[in-house]
Amino acid sequence: MKRHAPSWTLLLVTIVLANILWFATFYLTFSTFWIKISVSASSLAALSWWIRPIERARLHIDVKTLFVGLVSAVILYLIFWAGKEISSALLPFAERQIGGVYGKGAGTPPWIILLLLLFITGPCEELYWRGFLQDRLRERFGGRGGWLLTTAIYAGVHLWSFNFMLIGAAAVAGAFWGAMYWRIGNLLPVIISHSLWSAVIFAVLPLS
């Protein structure tokens, strides 16, 4: 049996919780960053799935799904590589802030970061941000409105990092994955894209 659409109040509760979790992840100093972001993302994913599970049709897997996920991850990596080169040439603080993003993972072995991003953080972020929040906002404000609002909220929770480059990166990545989901209507290639991209950019071929 399908659940009824969550109330606007319940939707706002999840957004407030996302801000609290991202504040704890980026600003508070307990534990390690990669553990905190994994717990934050999985908590939101579990809550959103409990409120309203994603329809099977939006988690369809086939060869095309795998191909689109892989190619989109490569494209986004290249976009970020170009963005890093351009911003480093134009903005005097860019290198320092990009280094600050990678510095949050200091002390955590790359293989642990890779596994967390591939199997927990990447999938769980997409289950909440696109699979739940963008879908709910799309129902209220249409495809374009849902995409824009979700992108803004996704970038907004990264304000707690107090890192301009990271906020901008979140806006670009959020817009990219949100547009994918809006266009395709299948969440699985977006999950693959996010998981592969984040694992490569943070653990395999970092841009720092």
C-alpha atoms as a PDB file:
ATOM      1  CA  MET A   1       0.000   0.000   0.000  1.00  0.00           C
ATOM      2  CA  LYS A   2       1.344   3.427  -0.937  1.00  0.00           C
ATOM      3  CA  ARG A   3       1.765   6.007   1.760  1.00  0.00           C
ATOM      4  CA  HIS A   4       0.014   9.325   1.451  1.00  0.00           C
ATOM      5  CA  ALA A   5       2.159  12.280   0.461  1.00  0.00           C
ATOM      6  CA  PRO A   6       3.949  13.651   3.540  1.00  0.00           C
ATOM      7  CA  SER A   7       2.614  16.885   4.966  1.00  0.00           C
ATOM      8  CA  TRP A   8       4.419  20.148   4.314  1.00  0.00           C
ATOM      9  CA  THR A   9       5.297  20.280   8.021  1.00  0.00           C
ATOM     10  CA  LEU A  10       6.899  16.833   7.909  1.00  0.00           C
ATOM     11  CA  LEU A  11       8.858  17.825   4.823  1.00  0.00           C
ATOM     12  CA  LEU A  12      10.149  20.920   6.610  1.00  0.00           C
ATOM     13  CA  VAL A  13      11.150  18.779   9.579  1.00  0.00           C
ATOM     14  CA  THR A  14      13.445  16.724   7.352  1.00  0.00           C
ATOM     15  CA  ILE A  15      15.007  19.919   5.952  1.00  0.00           C
ATOM     16  CA  VAL A  16      15.625  21.268   9.454  1.00  0.00           C
ATOM     17  CA  LEU A  17      17.131  17.910  10.440  1.00  0.00           C
ATOM     18  CA  ALA A  18      19.401  18.024   7.377  1.00  0.00           C
ATOM     19  CA  ASN A  19      20.707  21.409   8.526  1.00  0.00           C
ATOM     20  CA  ILE A  20      21.318  20.121  12.053  1.00  0.00           C
ATOM     21  CA  LEU A  21      23.148  17.058  10.758  1.00  0.00           C
ATOM     22  CA  TRP A  22      25.275  19.025   8.293  1.00  0.00           C
ATOM     23  CA  PHE A  23      26.097  21.551  11.034  1.00  0.00           C
ATOM     24  CA  ALA A  24      27.301  18.717  13.254  1.00  0.00           C
ATOM     25  CA  THR A  25      29.206  17.172  10.361  1.00  0.00           C
ATOM     26  CA  PHE A  26      31.049  20.279   9.199  1.00  0.00           C
ATOM     27  CA  TYR A  27      31.261  22.527  12.225  1.00  0.00           C
ATOM     28  CA  LEU A  28      31.470  20.356  15.347  1.00  0.00           C
ATOM     29  CA  THR A  29      34.776  18.620  16.004  1.00  0.00           C
ATOM     30  CA  PHE A  30      33.752  15.266  17.506  1.00  0.00           C
ATOM     31  CA  SER A  31      34.499  12.030  15.621  1.00  0.00           C
ATOM     32  CA  THR A  32      35.891  12.044  12.050  1.00  0.00           C
ATOM     33  CA  PHE A  33      34.360  13.858   9.099  1.00  0.00           C
ATOM     34  CA  TRP A  34      33.718  10.800   6.928  1.00  0.00           C
ATOM     35  CA  ILE A  35      31.991   8.909   9.716  1.00  0.00           C
ATOM     36  CA  LYS A  36      29.818  11.947  10.496  1.00  0.00           C
ATOM     37  CA  ILE A  37      28.762  12.541   6.894  1.00  0.00           C
ATOM     38  CA  SER A  38      27.951   8.846   6.475  1.00  0.00           C
ATOM     39  CA  VAL A  39      25.800   8.818   9.621  1.00  0.00           C
ATOM     40  CA  SER A  40      24.090  12.069   8.579  1.00  0.00           C
ATOM     41  CA  ALA A  41      23.285  10.854   5.067  1.00  0.00           C
ATOM     42  CA  SER A  42      22.094   7.421   6.197  1.00  0.00           C
ATOM     43  CA  SER A  43      19.887   8.970   8.909  1.00  0.00           C
ATOM     44  CA  LEU A  44      18.132  11.175   6.354  1.00  0.00           C
ATOM     45  CA  ALA A  45      17.794   8.281   3.919  1.00  0.00           C
ATOM     46  CA  ALA A  46      16.255   6.016   6.570  1.00  0.00           C
ATOM     47  CA  LEU A  47      13.827   8.706   7.708  1.00  0.00           C
ATOM     48  CA  SER A  48      12.739   9.593   4.190  1.00  0.00           C
ATOM     49  CA  TRP A  49      12.296   5.920   3.274  1.00  0.00           C
ATOM     50  CA  TRP A  50      10.155   5.407   6.374  1.00  0.00           C
ATOM     51  CA  ILE A  51       8.028   8.427   5.458  1.00  0.00           C
ATOM     52  CA  ARG A  52       7.610   7.393   1.846  1.00  0.00           C
ATOM     53  CA  PRO A  53       9.537   4.573   0.134  1.00  0.00           C
ATOM     54  CA  ILE A  54      10.736   5.193  -3.403  1.00  0.00           C
ATOM     55  CA  GLU A  55       8.714   3.483  -6.119  1.00  0.00           C
ATOM     56  CA  ARG A  56      10.414   0.521  -7.785  1.00  0.00           C
ATOM     57  CA  ALA A  57      10.024   2.156 -11.182  1.00  0.00           C
ATOM     58  CA  ARG A  58      12.410   4.890 -10.027  1.00  0.00           C
ATOM     59  CA  LEU A  59      15.091   2.338  -9.106  1.00  0.00           C
ATOM     60  CA  HIS A  60      15.247   0.464 -12.400  1.00  0.00           C
ATOM     61  CA  ILE A  61      18.568  -1.192 -13.318  1.00  0.00           C
ATOM     62  CA  ASP A  62      19.786  -2.257 -16.756  1.00  0.00           C
ATOM     63  CA  VAL A  63      22.861  -1.757 -18.946  1.00  0.00           C
ATOM     64  CA  LYS A  64      21.786   1.755 -19.909  1.00  0.00           C
ATOM     65  CA  THR A  65      21.422   2.702 -16.237  1.00  0.00           C
ATOM     66  CA  LEU A  66      24.986   1.588 -15.498  1.00  0.00           C
ATOM     67  CA  PHE A  67      26.330   3.354 -18.600  1.00  0.00           C
ATOM     68  CA  VAL A  68      24.581   6.649 -17.858  1.00  0.00           C
ATOM     69  CA  GLY A  69      25.756   6.553 -14.240  1.00  0.00           C
ATOM     70  CA  LEU A  70      29.370   5.923 -15.239  1.00  0.00           C
ATOM     71  CA  VAL A  71      29.516   8.475 -18.061  1.00  0.00           C
ATOM     72  CA  SER A  72      27.819  11.185 -16.002  1.00  0.00           C
ATOM     73  CA  ALA A  73      30.328  10.622 -13.179  1.00  0.00           C
ATOM     74  CA  VAL A  74      33.186  11.125 -15.654  1.00  0.00           C
ATOM     75  CA  ILE A  75      31.570  14.267 -17.071  1.00  0.00           C
ATOM     76  CA  LEU A  76      31.057  15.754 -13.614  1.00  0.00           C
ATOM     77  CA  TYR A  77      34.643  14.964 -12.642  1.00  0.00           C
ATOM     78  CA  LEU A  78      35.871  16.822 -15.742  1.00  0.00           C
ATOM     79  CA  ILE A  79      33.592  19.769 -14.912  1.00  0.00           C
ATOM     80  CA  PHE A  80      35.124  19.931 -11.445  1.00  0.00           C
ATOM     81  CA  TRP A  81      38.653  19.604 -12.819  1.00  0.00           C
ATOM     82  CA  ALA A  82      38.029  22.551 -15.154  1.00  0.00           C
ATOM     83  CA  GLY A  83      36.345  24.503 -12.367  1.00  0.00           C
ATOM     84  CA  LYS A  84      39.308  23.928 -10.071  1.00  0.00           C
ATOM     85  CA  GLU A  85      41.764  25.153 -12.701  1.00  0.00           C
ATOM     86  CA  ILE A  86      39.719  28.264 -13.494  1.00  0.00           C
ATOM     87  CA  SER A  87      38.909  29.173  -9.899  1.00  0.00           C
ATOM     88  CA  SER A  88      42.519  28.687  -8.806  1.00  0.00           C
ATOM     89  CA  ALA A  89      43.621  31.119 -11.515  1.00  0.00           C
ATOM     90  CA  LEU A  90      40.973  33.743 -10.691  1.00  0.00           C
ATOM     91  CA  LEU A  91      40.354  33.476  -6.946  1.00  0.00           C
ATOM     92  CA  PRO A  92      43.276  33.858  -4.524  1.00  0.00           C
ATOM     93  CA  PHE A  93      41.508  31.858  -1.803  1.00  0.00           C
ATOM     94  CA  ALA A  94      40.435  28.937  -4.004  1.00  0.00           C
ATOM     95  CA  GLU A  95      43.459  26.679  -3.467  1.00  0.00           C
ATOM     96  CA  ARG A  96      43.342  27.126   0.301  1.00  0.00           C
ATOM     97  CA  GLN A  97      39.622  26.403   0.529  1.00  0.00           C
ATOM     98  CA  ILE A  98      39.835  23.372  -1.762  1.00  0.00           C
ATOM     99  CA  GLY A  99      42.670  22.093   0.396  1.00  0.00           C
ATOM    100  CA  GLY A 100      40.474  22.679   3.431  1.00  0.00           C
ATOM    101  CA  VAL A 101      37.821  20.358   1.999  1.00  0.00           C
ATOM    102  CA  TYR A 102      40.342  17.558   1.586  1.00  0.00           C
ATOM    103  CA  GLY A 103      41.896  18.358   4.946  1.00  0.00           C
ATOM    104  CA  LYS A 104      38.699  17.272   6.689  1.00  0.00           C
ATOM    105  CA  GLY A 105      39.545  13.689   5.764  1.00  0.00           C
ATOM    106  CA  ALA A 106      43.043  13.806   7.235  1.00  0.00           C
ATOM    107  CA  GLY A 107      43.861  10.677   9.198  1.00  0.00           C
ATOM    108  CA  THR A 108      41.250   8.496   7.490  1.00  0.00           C
ATOM    109  CA  PRO A 109      42.703   5.831   5.143  1.00  0.00           C
ATOM    110  CA  PRO A 110      41.668   6.417   1.501  1.00  0.00           C
ATOM    111  CA  TRP A 111      40.227   2.905   1.187  1.00  0.00           C
ATOM    112  CA  ILE A 112      37.825   3.584   4.054  1.00  0.00           C
ATOM    113  CA  ILE A 113      36.771   6.882   2.469  1.00  0.00           C
ATOM    114  CA  LEU A 114      36.232   5.087  -0.842  1.00  0.00           C
ATOM    115  CA  LEU A 115      34.044   2.369   0.688  1.00  0.00           C
ATOM    116  CA  LEU A 116      31.983   4.840   2.716  1.00  0.00           C
ATOM    117  CA  LEU A 117      31.342   7.034  -0.323  1.00  0.00           C
ATOM    118  CA  LEU A 118      30.563   4.142  -2.665  1.00  0.00           C
ATOM    119  CA  PHE A 119      28.210   2.213  -0.439  1.00  0.00           C
ATOM    120  CA  ILE A 120      26.835   4.593   2.199  1.00  0.00           C
ATOM    121  CA  THR A 121      27.222   8.332   1.694  1.00  0.00           C
ATOM    122  CA  GLY A 122      26.642   8.532  -2.067  1.00  0.00           C
ATOM    123  CA  PRO A 123      23.580   6.257  -2.207  1.00  0.00           C
ATOM    124  CA  CYS A 124      22.027   7.634   0.984  1.00  0.00           C
ATOM    125  CA  GLU A 125      22.422  11.268  -0.076  1.00  0.00           C
ATOM    126  CA  GLU A 126      20.597  10.557  -3.320  1.00  0.00           C
ATOM    127  CA  LEU A 127      17.834   8.605  -1.588  1.00  0.00           C
ATOM    128  CA  TYR A 128      17.031  11.690   0.476  1.00  0.00           C
ATOM    129  CA  TRP A 129      17.951  14.715  -1.650  1.00  0.00           C
ATOM    130  CA  ARG A 130      16.687  13.603  -5.025  1.00  0.00           C
ATOM    131  CA  GLY A 131      14.600  10.491  -4.329  1.00  0.00           C
ATOM    132  CA  PHE A 132      12.628  12.067  -1.491  1.00  0.00           C
ATOM    133  CA  LEU A 133      13.019  15.840  -1.296  1.00  0.00           C
ATOM    134  CA  GLN A 134      13.128  16.661  -5.013  1.00  0.00           C
ATOM    135  CA  ASP A 135      10.222  14.314  -5.673  1.00  0.00           C
ATOM    136  CA  ARG A 136       8.110  15.911  -2.942  1.00  0.00           C
ATOM    137  CA  LEU A 137       8.965  19.441  -4.076  1.00  0.00           C
ATOM    138  CA  ARG A 138       8.265  18.462  -7.683  1.00  0.00           C
ATOM    139  CA  GLU A 139       4.771  17.381  -6.663  1.00  0.00           C
ATOM    140  CA  ARG A 140       4.153  20.823  -5.169  1.00  0.00           C
ATOM    141  CA  PHE A 141       6.085  23.152  -7.495  1.00  0.00           C
ATOM    142  CA  GLY A 142       6.569  21.243 -10.745  1.00  0.00           C
ATOM    143  CA  GLY A 143       9.704  19.741 -12.258  1.00  0.00           C
ATOM    144  CA  ARG A 144      11.696  22.954 -12.658  1.00  0.00           C
ATOM    145  CA  GLY A 145      10.616  24.356  -9.306  1.00  0.00           C
ATOM    146  CA  GLY A 146      11.404  21.113  -7.494  1.00  0.00           C
ATOM    147  CA  TRP A 147      14.842  20.938  -9.103  1.00  0.00           C
ATOM    148  CA  LEU A 148      15.716  24.557  -8.295  1.00  0.00           C
ATOM    149  CA  LEU A 149      14.484  24.391  -4.705  1.00  0.00           C
ATOM    150  CA  THR A 150      16.261  21.109  -4.006  1.00  0.00           C
ATOM    151  CA  THR A 151      19.492  22.453  -5.477  1.00  0.00           C
ATOM    152  CA  ALA A 152      19.233  25.591  -3.341  1.00  0.00           C
ATOM    153  CA  ILE A 153      18.539  23.618  -0.153  1.00  0.00           C
ATOM    154  CA  TYR A 154      21.339  21.141  -0.909  1.00  0.00           C
ATOM    155  CA  ALA A 155      23.815  23.982  -1.418  1.00  0.00           C
ATOM    156  CA  GLY A 156      22.355  25.776   1.605  1.00  0.00           C
ATOM    157  CA  VAL A 157      23.112  23.031   4.127  1.00  0.00           C
ATOM    158  CA  HIS A 158      26.759  23.291   3.056  1.00  0.00           C
ATOM    159  CA  LEU A 159      26.833  26.866   4.369  1.00  0.00           C
ATOM    160  CA  TRP A 160      27.807  25.264   7.689  1.00  0.00           C
ATOM    161  CA  SER A 161      31.203  24.462   6.171  1.00  0.00           C
ATOM    162  CA  PHE A 162      31.903  28.227   5.887  1.00  0.00           C
ATOM    163  CA  ASN A 163      33.811  27.338   2.724  1.00  0.00           C
ATOM    164  CA  PHE A 164      32.800  29.265  -0.398  1.00  0.00           C
ATOM    165  CA  MET A 165      34.357  26.719  -2.766  1.00  0.00           C
ATOM    166  CA  LEU A 166      32.540  23.813  -1.127  1.00  0.00           C
ATOM    167  CA  ILE A 167      29.200  25.642  -1.193  1.00  0.00           C
ATOM    168  CA  GLY A 168      29.697  26.365  -4.877  1.00  0.00           C
ATOM    169  CA  ALA A 169      30.720  22.771  -5.531  1.00  0.00           C
ATOM    170  CA  ALA A 170      27.591  21.511  -3.769  1.00  0.00           C
ATOM    171  CA  ALA A 171      25.441  23.818  -5.897  1.00  0.00           C
ATOM    172  CA  VAL A 172      27.029  22.572  -9.127  1.00  0.00           C
ATOM    173  CA  ALA A 173      26.866  18.892  -8.171  1.00  0.00           C
ATOM    174  CA  GLY A 174      23.341  19.222  -6.772  1.00  0.00           C
ATOM    175  CA  ALA A 175      22.123  20.944  -9.928  1.00  0.00           C
ATOM    176  CA  PHE A 176      23.798  18.273 -12.075  1.00  0.00           C
ATOM    177  CA  TRP A 177      22.304  15.271 -10.257  1.00  0.00           C
ATOM    178  CA  GLY A 178      18.965  17.011  -9.840  1.00  0.00           C
ATOM    179  CA  ALA A 179      18.783  17.696 -13.580  1.00  0.00           C
ATOM    180  CA  MET A 180      19.674  14.055 -14.268  1.00  0.00           C
ATOM    181  CA  TYR A 181      16.867  12.838 -12.052  1.00  0.00           C
ATOM    182  CA  TRP A 182      14.385  15.344 -13.442  1.00  0.00           C
ATOM    183  CA  ARG A 183      15.264  14.329 -16.985  1.00  0.00           C
ATOM    184  CA  ILE A 184      15.541  10.539 -16.564  1.00  0.00           C
ATOM    185  CA  GLY A 185      13.070   9.848 -13.764  1.00  0.00           C
ATOM    186  CA  ASN A 186      15.225   6.934 -12.589  1.00  0.00           C
ATOM    187  CA  LEU A 187      17.195   7.434  -9.378  1.00  0.00           C
ATOM    188  CA  LEU A 188      19.613   4.542  -9.821  1.00  0.00           C
ATOM    189  CA  PRO A 189      21.921   6.153 -12.437  1.00  0.00           C
ATOM    190  CA  VAL A 190      22.057   9.243 -10.212  1.00  0.00           C
ATOM    191  CA  ILE A 191      23.092   7.079  -7.259  1.00  0.00           C
ATOM    192  CA  ILE A 192      25.790   5.430  -9.383  1.00  0.00           C
ATOM    193  CA  SER A 193      26.990   8.821 -10.645  1.00  0.00           C
ATOM    194  CA  HIS A 194      27.169  10.356  -7.163  1.00  0.00           C
ATOM    195  CA  SER A 195      28.831   7.326  -5.589  1.00  0.00           C
ATOM    196  CA  LEU A 196      31.487   6.873  -8.295  1.00  0.00           C
ATOM    197  CA  TRP A 197      32.214  10.589  -8.642  1.00  0.00           C
ATOM    198  CA  SER A 198      32.637  11.181  -4.922  1.00  0.00           C
ATOM    199  CA  ALA A 199      34.774   8.050  -4.433  1.00  0.00           C
ATOM    200  CA  VAL A 200      37.102   9.055  -7.263  1.00  0.00           C
ATOM    201  CA  ILE A 201      37.361  12.760  -6.445  1.00  0.00           C
ATOM    202  CA  PHE A 202      38.006  12.186  -2.739  1.00  0.00           C
ATOM    203  CA  ALA A 203      39.860   8.865  -2.589  1.00  0.00           C
ATOM    204  CA  VAL A 204      41.287   7.921  -5.999  1.00  0.00           C
ATOM    205  CA  LEU A 205      42.100  11.031  -8.056  1.00  0.00           C
ATOM    206  CA  PRO A 206      41.682  14.023  -5.705  1.00  0.00           C
ATOM    207  CA  LEU A 207      41.886  17.522  -7.181  1.00  0.00           C
ATOM    208  CA  SER A 208      43.922  19.011  -4.333  1.00  0.00           C
END
